[in-house]
Amino acid sequence: YAVALKYDGAGMRAPRVVAKGKNLIAAQIRNKAMEHEVPIF
């Protein structure tokens, strides 16, 4: 599994899920994140 979270204190009450996926889509999300240096936890 992979879920991408974004939080903007000015316009959001809580962190928001902007992407999520399982298995193959999860791998695509991780690869996309690594391409753009988005932290993976």
All heavy atoms as atom14 arrays in JSON, in Angstrom:
{
  "sequence": "YAVALKYDGAGMRAPRVVAKGKNLIAAQIRNKAMEHEVPIF",
  "atom14_mask": [
    [1, 1, 1, 1, 1, 1, 1, 1, 1, 1, 1, 1, 0, 0],
    [1, 1, 1, 1, 1, 0, 0, 0, 0, 0, 0, 0, 0, 0],
    [1, 1, 1, 1, 1, 1, 1, 0, 0, 0, 0, 0, 0, 0],
    [1, 1, 1, 1, 1, 0, 0, 0, 0, 0, 0, 0, 0, 0],
    [1, 1, 1, 1, 1, 1, 1, 1, 0, 0, 0, 0, 0, 0],
    [1, 1, 1, 1, 1, 1, 1, 1, 1, 0, 0, 0, 0, 0],
    [1, 1, 1, 1, 1, 1, 1, 1, 1, 1, 1, 1, 0, 0],
    [1, 1, 1, 1, 1, 1, 1, 1, 0, 0, 0, 0, 0, 0],
    [1, 1, 1, 1, 0, 0, 0, 0, 0, 0, 0, 0, 0, 0],
    [1, 1, 1, 1, 1, 0, 0, 0, 0, 0, 0, 0, 0, 0],
    [1, 1, 1, 1, 0, 0, 0, 0, 0, 0, 0, 0, 0, 0],
    [1, 1, 1, 1, 1, 1, 1, 1, 0, 0, 0, 0, 0, 0],
    [1, 1, 1, 1, 1, 1, 1, 1, 1, 1, 1, 0, 0, 0],
    [1, 1, 1, 1, 1, 0, 0, 0, 0, 0, 0, 0, 0, 0],
    [1, 1, 1, 1, 1, 1, 1, 0, 0, 0, 0, 0, 0, 0],
    [1, 1, 1, 1, 1, 1, 1, 1, 1, 1, 1, 0, 0, 0],
    [1, 1, 1, 1, 1, 1, 1, 0, 0, 0, 0, 0, 0, 0],
    [1, 1, 1, 1, 1, 1, 1, 0, 0, 0, 0, 0, 0, 0],
    [1, 1, 1, 1, 1, 0, 0, 0, 0, 0, 0, 0, 0, 0],
    [1, 1, 1, 1, 1, 1, 1, 1, 1, 0, 0, 0, 0, 0],
    [1, 1, 1, 1, 0, 0, 0, 0, 0, 0, 0, 0, 0, 0],
    [1, 1, 1, 1, 1, 1, 1, 1, 1, 0, 0, 0, 0, 0],
    [1, 1, 1, 1, 1, 1, 1, 1, 0, 0, 0, 0, 0, 0],
    [1, 1, 1, 1, 1, 1, 1, 1, 0, 0, 0, 0, 0, 0],
    [1, 1, 1, 1, 1, 1, 1, 1, 0, 0, 0, 0, 0, 0],
    [1, 1, 1, 1, 1, 0, 0, 0, 0, 0, 0, 0, 0, 0],
    [1, 1, 1, 1, 1, 0, 0, 0, 0, 0, 0, 0, 0, 0],
    [1, 1, 1, 1, 1, 1, 1, 1, 1, 0, 0, 0, 0, 0],
    [1, 1, 1, 1, 1, 1, 1, 1, 0, 0, 0, 0, 0, 0],
    [1, 1, 1, 1, 1, 1, 1, 1, 1, 1, 1, 0, 0, 0],
    [1, 1, 1, 1, 1, 1, 1, 1, 0, 0, 0, 0, 0, 0],
    [1, 1, 1, 1, 1, 1, 1, 1, 1, 0, 0, 0, 0, 0],
    [1, 1, 1, 1, 1, 0, 0, 0, 0, 0, 0, 0, 0, 0],
    [1, 1, 1, 1, 1, 1, 1, 1, 0, 0, 0, 0, 0, 0],
    [1, 1, 1, 1, 1, 1, 1, 1, 1, 0, 0, 0, 0, 0],
    [1, 1, 1, 1, 1, 1, 1, 1, 1, 1, 0, 0, 0, 0],
    [1, 1, 1, 1, 1, 1, 1, 1, 1, 0, 0, 0, 0, 0],
    [1, 1, 1, 1, 1, 1, 1, 0, 0, 0, 0, 0, 0, 0],
    [1, 1, 1, 1, 1, 1, 1, 0, 0, 0, 0, 0, 0, 0],
    [1, 1, 1, 1, 1, 1, 1, 1, 0, 0, 0, 0, 0, 0],
    [1, 1, 1, 1, 1, 1, 1, 1, 1, 1, 1, 0, 0, 0]
  ],
  "atom14_positions": [
    [[0.84, -1.2, 0.0], [0.0, 0.0, 0.0], [0.87, 1.25, 0.0], [2.0, 1.24, 0.52], [-0.92, 0.05, 1.22], [-1.89, -1.11, 1.3], [-1.59, -2.23, 2.07], [-3.09, -1.08, 0.61], [-2.48, -3.29, 2.15], [-3.98, -2.14, 0.69], [-3.67, -3.24, 1.45], [-4.53, -4.29, 1.51], [0.0, 0.0, 0.0], [0.0, 0.0, 0.0]],
    [[0.32, 2.31, -0.58], [0.99, 3.61, -0.54], [-0.07, 4.68, -0.55], [-1.02, 4.63, -1.36], [1.93, 3.78, -1.74], [0.0, 0.0, 0.0], [0.0, 0.0, 0.0], [0.0, 0.0, 0.0], [0.0, 0.0, 0.0], [0.0, 0.0, 0.0], [0.0, 0.0, 0.0], [0.0, 0.0, 0.0], [0.0, 0.0, 0.0], [0.0, 0.0, 0.0]],
    [[0.05, 5.66, 0.35], [-0.87, 6.8, 0.39], [-0.05, 8.08, 0.41], [0.95, 8.18, 1.14], [-1.8, 6.72, 1.62], [-2.79, 5.58, 1.49], [-1.01, 6.59, 2.91], [0.0, 0.0, 0.0], [0.0, 0.0, 0.0], [0.0, 0.0, 0.0], [0.0, 0.0, 0.0], [0.0, 0.0, 0.0], [0.0, 0.0, 0.0], [0.0, 0.0, 0.0]],
    [[-0.48, 9.03, -0.4], [0.21, 10.32, -0.47], [-0.62, 11.35, 0.28], [-1.81, 11.52, 0.0], [0.4, 10.74, -1.93], [0.0, 0.0, 0.0], [0.0, 0.0, 0.0], [0.0, 0.0, 0.0], [0.0, 0.0, 0.0], [0.0, 0.0, 0.0], [0.0, 0.0, 0.0], [0.0, 0.0, 0.0], [0.0, 0.0, 0.0], [0.0, 0.0, 0.0]],
    [[0.03, 12.05, 1.22], [-0.66, 13.03, 2.06], [-0.13, 14.42, 1.77], [1.07, 14.61, 1.54], [-0.47, 12.71, 3.54], [-1.02, 11.37, 4.04], [-0.73, 11.23, 5.54], [-2.5, 11.23, 3.76], [0.0, 0.0, 0.0], [0.0, 0.0, 0.0], [0.0, 0.0, 0.0], [0.0, 0.0, 0.0], [0.0, 0.0, 0.0], [0.0, 0.0, 0.0]],
    [[-1.03, 15.38, 1.82], [-0.65, 16.78, 1.68], [-1.37, 17.57, 2.76], [-2.55, 17.31, 3.04], [-1.04, 17.31, 0.3], [-0.66, 18.77, 0.08], [-0.99, 19.22, -1.33], [-0.64, 20.69, -1.54], [0.8, 20.95, -1.31], [0.0, 0.0, 0.0], [0.0, 0.0, 0.0], [0.0, 0.0, 0.0], [0.0, 0.0, 0.0], [0.0, 0.0, 0.0]],
    [[-0.63, 18.52, 3.36], [-1.24, 19.34, 4.4], [-0.85, 20.8, 4.21], [0.33, 21.13, 4.06], [-0.81, 18.87, 5.79], [-1.38, 19.73, 6.9], [-2.76, 19.78, 7.11], [-0.55, 20.49, 7.71], [-3.29, 20.58, 8.12], [-1.08, 21.28, 8.73], [-2.45, 21.32, 8.92], [-2.98, 22.12, 9.91], [0.0, 0.0, 0.0], [0.0, 0.0, 0.0]],
    [[-1.85, 21.63, 4.2], [-1.66, 23.08, 4.11], [-2.45, 23.71, 5.24], [-3.69, 23.71, 5.22], [-2.13, 23.6, 2.75], [-1.93, 25.09, 2.6], [-1.34, 25.71, 3.51], [-2.36, 25.65, 1.57], [0.0, 0.0, 0.0], [0.0, 0.0, 0.0], [0.0, 0.0, 0.0], [0.0, 0.0, 0.0], [0.0, 0.0, 0.0], [0.0, 0.0, 0.0]],
    [[-1.74, 24.2, 6.23], [-2.41, 24.74, 7.41], [-3.31, 25.91, 7.1], [-4.25, 26.19, 7.85], [0.0, 0.0, 0.0], [0.0, 0.0, 0.0], [0.0, 0.0, 0.0], [0.0, 0.0, 0.0], [0.0, 0.0, 0.0], [0.0, 0.0, 0.0], [0.0, 0.0, 0.0], [0.0, 0.0, 0.0], [0.0, 0.0, 0.0], [0.0, 0.0, 0.0]],
    [[-3.07, 26.6, 6.0], [-3.88, 27.77, 5.66], [-5.23, 27.39, 5.08], [-6.22, 28.1, 5.26], [-3.13, 28.67, 4.69], [0.0, 0.0, 0.0], [0.0, 0.0, 0.0], [0.0, 0.0, 0.0], [0.0, 0.0, 0.0], [0.0, 0.0, 0.0], [0.0, 0.0, 0.0], [0.0, 0.0, 0.0], [0.0, 0.0, 0.0], [0.0, 0.0, 0.0]],
    [[-5.3, 26.26, 4.36], [-6.55, 25.92, 3.69], [-7.13, 24.58, 4.04], [-8.16, 24.19, 3.47], [0.0, 0.0, 0.0], [0.0, 0.0, 0.0], [0.0, 0.0, 0.0], [0.0, 0.0, 0.0], [0.0, 0.0, 0.0], [0.0, 0.0, 0.0], [0.0, 0.0, 0.0], [0.0, 0.0, 0.0], [0.0, 0.0, 0.0], [0.0, 0.0, 0.0]],
    [[-6.49, 23.81, 4.92], [-6.97, 22.47, 5.25], [-7.12, 22.35, 6.77], [-6.28, 22.85, 7.52], [-6.0, 21.4, 4.75], [-5.8, 21.37, 3.26], [-4.64, 20.04, 2.78], [-4.47, 20.36, 1.04], [0.0, 0.0, 0.0], [0.0, 0.0, 0.0], [0.0, 0.0, 0.0], [0.0, 0.0, 0.0], [0.0, 0.0, 0.0], [0.0, 0.0, 0.0]],
    [[-8.15, 21.67, 7.2], [-8.32, 21.39, 8.62], [-7.46, 20.23, 9.06], [-7.07, 20.13, 10.23], [-9.78, 21.09, 8.92], [-10.73, 22.26, 8.68], [-12.16, 21.84, 8.94], [-12.53, 20.7, 8.09], [-13.69, 20.05, 8.19], [-14.57, 20.41, 9.11], [-13.96, 19.04, 7.38], [0.0, 0.0, 0.0], [0.0, 0.0, 0.0], [0.0, 0.0, 0.0]],
    [[-7.18, 19.31, 8.12], [-6.4, 18.12, 8.44], [-5.69, 17.67, 7.16], [-6.05, 18.09, 6.05], [-7.32, 17.01, 8.97], [0.0, 0.0, 0.0], [0.0, 0.0, 0.0], [0.0, 0.0, 0.0], [0.0, 0.0, 0.0], [0.0, 0.0, 0.0], [0.0, 0.0, 0.0], [0.0, 0.0, 0.0], [0.0, 0.0, 0.0], [0.0, 0.0, 0.0]],
    [[-4.67, 16.84, 7.28], [-3.99, 16.31, 6.09], [-4.99, 15.6, 5.16], [-5.93, 14.95, 5.61], [-2.96, 15.33, 6.67], [-2.71, 15.84, 8.05], [-4.01, 16.4, 8.53], [0.0, 0.0, 0.0], [0.0, 0.0, 0.0], [0.0, 0.0, 0.0], [0.0, 0.0, 0.0], [0.0, 0.0, 0.0], [0.0, 0.0, 0.0], [0.0, 0.0, 0.0]],
    [[-4.74, 15.73, 3.89], [-5.65, 15.19, 2.88], [-4.92, 14.15, 2.04], [-3.74, 14.3, 1.71], [-6.16, 16.32, 2.0], [-7.14, 15.89, 0.91], [-7.67, 17.09, 0.18], [-8.41, 17.98, 1.08], [-8.77, 19.21, 0.76], [-8.44, 19.72, -0.42], [-9.46, 19.94, 1.62], [0.0, 0.0, 0.0], [0.0, 0.0, 0.0], [0.0, 0.0, 0.0]],
    [[-5.66, 13.09, 1.67], [-5.12, 12.05, 0.79], [-5.24, 12.54, -0.65], [-6.35, 12.77, -1.15], [-5.89, 10.72, 0.97], [-5.39, 9.68, -0.04], [-5.7, 10.2, 2.39], [0.0, 0.0, 0.0], [0.0, 0.0, 0.0], [0.0, 0.0, 0.0], [0.0, 0.0, 0.0], [0.0, 0.0, 0.0], [0.0, 0.0, 0.0], [0.0, 0.0, 0.0]],
    [[-4.12, 12.69, -1.33], [-4.14, 13.14, -2.73], [-3.92, 11.99, -3.7], [-4.16, 12.12, -4.9], [-3.09, 14.24, -2.97], [-3.43, 15.48, -2.16], [-1.68, 13.75, -2.63], [0.0, 0.0, 0.0], [0.0, 0.0, 0.0], [0.0, 0.0, 0.0], [0.0, 0.0, 0.0], [0.0, 0.0, 0.0], [0.0, 0.0, 0.0], [0.0, 0.0, 0.0]],
    [[-3.44, 10.85, -3.18], [-3.25, 9.67, -4.03], [-3.14, 8.45, -3.12], [-2.64, 8.55, -1.98], [-2.01, 9.8, -4.91], [0.0, 0.0, 0.0], [0.0, 0.0, 0.0], [0.0, 0.0, 0.0], [0.0, 0.0, 0.0], [0.0, 0.0, 0.0], [0.0, 0.0, 0.0], [0.0, 0.0, 0.0], [0.0, 0.0, 0.0], [0.0, 0.0, 0.0]],
    [[-3.6, 7.34, -3.63], [-3.43, 6.09, -2.89], [-3.52, 4.93, -3.87], [-4.13, 5.04, -4.94], [-4.47, 5.94, -1.78], [-5.89, 5.65, -2.26], [-6.8, 5.38, -1.05], [-8.19, 4.93, -1.51], [-9.05, 4.56, -0.37], [0.0, 0.0, 0.0], [0.0, 0.0, 0.0], [0.0, 0.0, 0.0], [0.0, 0.0, 0.0], [0.0, 0.0, 0.0]],
    [[-2.91, 3.82, -3.51], [-2.93, 2.67, -4.4], [-2.44, 1.43, -3.71], [-1.87, 1.47, -2.61], [0.0, 0.0, 0.0], [0.0, 0.0, 0.0], [0.0, 0.0, 0.0], [0.0, 0.0, 0.0], [0.0, 0.0, 0.0], [0.0, 0.0, 0.0], [0.0, 0.0, 0.0], [0.0, 0.0, 0.0], [0.0, 0.0, 0.0], [0.0, 0.0, 0.0]],
    [[-2.68, 0.31, -4.39], [-2.31, -0.99, -3.86], [-1.5, -1.74, -4.91], [-1.79, -1.65, -6.11], [-3.58, -1.77, -3.49], [-3.34, -3.15, -2.9], [-4.68, -3.82, -2.58], [-4.48, -5.21, -2.0], [-5.77, -5.89, -1.73], [0.0, 0.0, 0.0], [0.0, 0.0, 0.0], [0.0, 0.0, 0.0], [0.0, 0.0, 0.0], [0.0, 0.0, 0.0]],
    [[-0.48, -2.46, -4.44], [0.37, -3.29, -5.29], [1.0, -2.48, -6.43], [1.85, -1.64, -6.2], [-0.43, -4.48, -5.82], [-0.9, -5.39, -4.69], [-0.26, -5.47, -3.65], [-2.03, -6.05, -4.88], [0.0, 0.0, 0.0], [0.0, 0.0, 0.0], [0.0, 0.0, 0.0], [0.0, 0.0, 0.0], [0.0, 0.0, 0.0], [0.0, 0.0, 0.0]],
    [[0.55, -2.7, -7.7], [1.18, -2.04, -8.84], [1.04, -0.52, -8.77], [2.01, 0.22, -9.02], [0.58, -2.56, -10.15], [1.15, -1.94, -11.44], [2.64, -2.18, -11.54], [0.43, -2.51, -12.66], [0.0, 0.0, 0.0], [0.0, 0.0, 0.0], [0.0, 0.0, 0.0], [0.0, 0.0, 0.0], [0.0, 0.0, 0.0], [0.0, 0.0, 0.0]],
    [[-0.14, -0.04, -8.42], [-0.34, 1.41, -8.33], [0.49, 1.98, -7.19], [1.04, 3.08, -7.28], [-1.83, 1.74, -8.15], [-2.63, 1.26, -9.37], [-2.04, 3.24, -7.94], [-4.11, 1.51, -9.28], [0.0, 0.0, 0.0], [0.0, 0.0, 0.0], [0.0, 0.0, 0.0], [0.0, 0.0, 0.0], [0.0, 0.0, 0.0], [0.0, 0.0, 0.0]],
    [[0.62, 1.22, -6.09], [1.46, 1.66, -4.98], [2.91, 1.81, -5.44], [3.6, 2.78, -5.08], [1.37, 0.68, -3.81], [0.0, 0.0, 0.0], [0.0, 0.0, 0.0], [0.0, 0.0, 0.0], [0.0, 0.0, 0.0], [0.0, 0.0, 0.0], [0.0, 0.0, 0.0], [0.0, 0.0, 0.0], [0.0, 0.0, 0.0], [0.0, 0.0, 0.0]],
    [[3.36, 0.86, -6.26], [4.73, 0.96, -6.78], [4.88, 2.18, -7.68], [5.92, 2.87, -7.64], [5.08, -0.32, -7.54], [0.0, 0.0, 0.0], [0.0, 0.0, 0.0], [0.0, 0.0, 0.0], [0.0, 0.0, 0.0], [0.0, 0.0, 0.0], [0.0, 0.0, 0.0], [0.0, 0.0, 0.0], [0.0, 0.0, 0.0], [0.0, 0.0, 0.0]],
    [[3.86, 2.47, -8.49], [3.92, 3.65, -9.36], [3.97, 4.93, -8.53], [4.69, 5.88, -8.88], [2.72, 3.66, -10.3], [2.72, 2.51, -11.3], [1.45, 2.49, -12.14], [0.5, 3.24, -11.9], [1.42, 1.6, -13.13], [0.0, 0.0, 0.0], [0.0, 0.0, 0.0], [0.0, 0.0, 0.0], [0.0, 0.0, 0.0], [0.0, 0.0, 0.0]],
    [[3.22, 4.96, -7.43], [3.24, 6.15, -6.56], [4.62, 6.32, -5.94], [5.16, 7.44, -5.89], [2.15, 6.02, -5.47], [0.75, 6.1, -6.1], [2.32, 7.12, -4.41], [-0.38, 5.86, -5.12], [0.0, 0.0, 0.0], [0.0, 0.0, 0.0], [0.0, 0.0, 0.0], [0.0, 0.0, 0.0], [0.0, 0.0, 0.0], [0.0, 0.0, 0.0]],
    [[5.22, 5.24, -5.49], [6.57, 5.33, -4.9], [7.59, 5.8, -5.93], [8.44, 6.64, -5.64], [6.98, 3.97, -4.32], [6.17, 3.55, -3.1], [6.85, 2.4, -2.36], [7.06, 1.25, -3.24], [6.19, 0.27, -3.42], [5.01, 0.31, -2.78], [6.45, -0.74, -4.21], [0.0, 0.0, 0.0], [0.0, 0.0, 0.0], [0.0, 0.0, 0.0]],
    [[7.5, 5.25, -7.15], [8.44, 5.66, -8.2], [8.27, 7.14, -8.54], [9.25, 7.86, -8.73], [8.23, 4.8, -9.45], [8.61, 3.35, -9.23], [9.44, 3.04, -8.35], [8.02, 2.45, -10.0], [0.0, 0.0, 0.0], [0.0, 0.0, 0.0], [0.0, 0.0, 0.0], [0.0, 0.0, 0.0], [0.0, 0.0, 0.0], [0.0, 0.0, 0.0]],
    [[7.01, 7.57, -8.62], [6.75, 8.99, -8.91], [7.3, 9.87, -7.79], [7.86, 10.95, -8.05], [5.25, 9.21, -9.06], [4.87, 10.55, -9.64], [5.06, 10.58, -11.15], [4.45, 11.81, -11.76], [4.63, 11.86, -13.24], [0.0, 0.0, 0.0], [0.0, 0.0, 0.0], [0.0, 0.0, 0.0], [0.0, 0.0, 0.0], [0.0, 0.0, 0.0]],
    [[7.14, 9.42, -6.57], [7.63, 10.2, -5.43], [9.16, 10.29, -5.46], [9.74, 11.36, -5.18], [7.16, 9.56, -4.13], [0.0, 0.0, 0.0], [0.0, 0.0, 0.0], [0.0, 0.0, 0.0], [0.0, 0.0, 0.0], [0.0, 0.0, 0.0], [0.0, 0.0, 0.0], [0.0, 0.0, 0.0], [0.0, 0.0, 0.0], [0.0, 0.0, 0.0]],
    [[9.81, 9.18, -5.78], [11.28, 9.21, -5.83], [11.78, 10.12, -6.95], [12.8, 10.79, -6.8], [11.82, 7.79, -6.0], [11.69, 6.94, -4.73], [12.49, 5.31, -4.85], [11.38, 4.47, -6.0], [0.0, 0.0, 0.0], [0.0, 0.0, 0.0], [0.0, 0.0, 0.0], [0.0, 0.0, 0.0], [0.0, 0.0, 0.0], [0.0, 0.0, 0.0]],
    [[11.06, 10.15, -8.07], [11.46, 11.03, -9.17], [11.43, 12.5, -8.74], [12.26, 13.29, -9.18], [10.52, 10.82, -10.36], [10.71, 9.49, -11.08], [9.72, 9.33, -12.21], [9.02, 10.33, -12.52], [9.64, 8.23, -12.78], [0.0, 0.0, 0.0], [0.0, 0.0, 0.0], [0.0, 0.0, 0.0], [0.0, 0.0, 0.0], [0.0, 0.0, 0.0]],
    [[10.46, 12.86, -7.89], [10.3, 14.26, -7.49], [10.76, 14.5, -6.05], [10.43, 15.53, -5.46], [8.83, 14.67, -7.65], [8.38, 14.67, -9.09], [7.96, 13.53, -9.74], [8.29, 15.68, -9.99], [7.62, 13.82, -10.97], [7.81, 15.11, -11.16], [0.0, 0.0, 0.0], [0.0, 0.0, 0.0], [0.0, 0.0, 0.0], [0.0, 0.0, 0.0]],
    [[11.52, 13.54, -5.51], [12.12, 13.69, -4.18], [11.08, 13.96, -3.09], [11.28, 14.78, -2.19], [13.18, 14.8, -4.19], [14.33, 14.5, -5.14], [15.39, 15.58, -5.11], [15.16, 16.63, -4.48], [16.45, 15.39, -5.73], [0.0, 0.0, 0.0], [0.0, 0.0, 0.0], [0.0, 0.0, 0.0], [0.0, 0.0, 0.0], [0.0, 0.0, 0.0]],
    [[9.96, 13.29, -3.18], [8.94, 13.36, -2.13], [9.3, 12.33, -1.07], [9.53, 11.15, -1.4], [7.53, 13.1, -2.7], [6.48, 13.14, -1.58], [7.19, 14.11, -3.77], [0.0, 0.0, 0.0], [0.0, 0.0, 0.0], [0.0, 0.0, 0.0], [0.0, 0.0, 0.0], [0.0, 0.0, 0.0], [0.0, 0.0, 0.0], [0.0, 0.0, 0.0]],
    [[9.37, 12.7, 0.21], [9.76, 11.75, 1.26], [8.82, 10.55, 1.33], [7.59, 10.69, 1.18], [9.69, 12.58, 2.54], [9.81, 14.0, 2.09], [9.16, 14.05, 0.74], [0.0, 0.0, 0.0], [0.0, 0.0, 0.0], [0.0, 0.0, 0.0], [0.0, 0.0, 0.0], [0.0, 0.0, 0.0], [0.0, 0.0, 0.0], [0.0, 0.0, 0.0]],
    [[9.4, 9.38, 1.54], [8.64, 8.14, 1.68], [8.88, 7.61, 3.08], [10.03, 7.44, 3.52], [9.06, 7.1, 0.62], [8.79, 7.64, -0.79], [8.33, 5.79, 0.85], [9.25, 6.72, -1.9], [0.0, 0.0, 0.0], [0.0, 0.0, 0.0], [0.0, 0.0, 0.0], [0.0, 0.0, 0.0], [0.0, 0.0, 0.0], [0.0, 0.0, 0.0]],
    [[7.8, 7.34, 3.81], [7.9, 6.9, 5.2], [7.16, 5.57, 5.33], [5.99, 5.44, 4.95], [7.27, 7.93, 6.13], [7.44, 7.61, 7.57], [8.61, 7.93, 8.25], [6.43, 6.96, 8.28], [8.76, 7.63, 9.59], [6.58, 6.65, 9.62], [7.76, 6.99, 10.28], [0.0, 0.0, 0.0], [0.0, 0.0, 0.0], [0.0, 0.0, 0.0]]
  ]
}
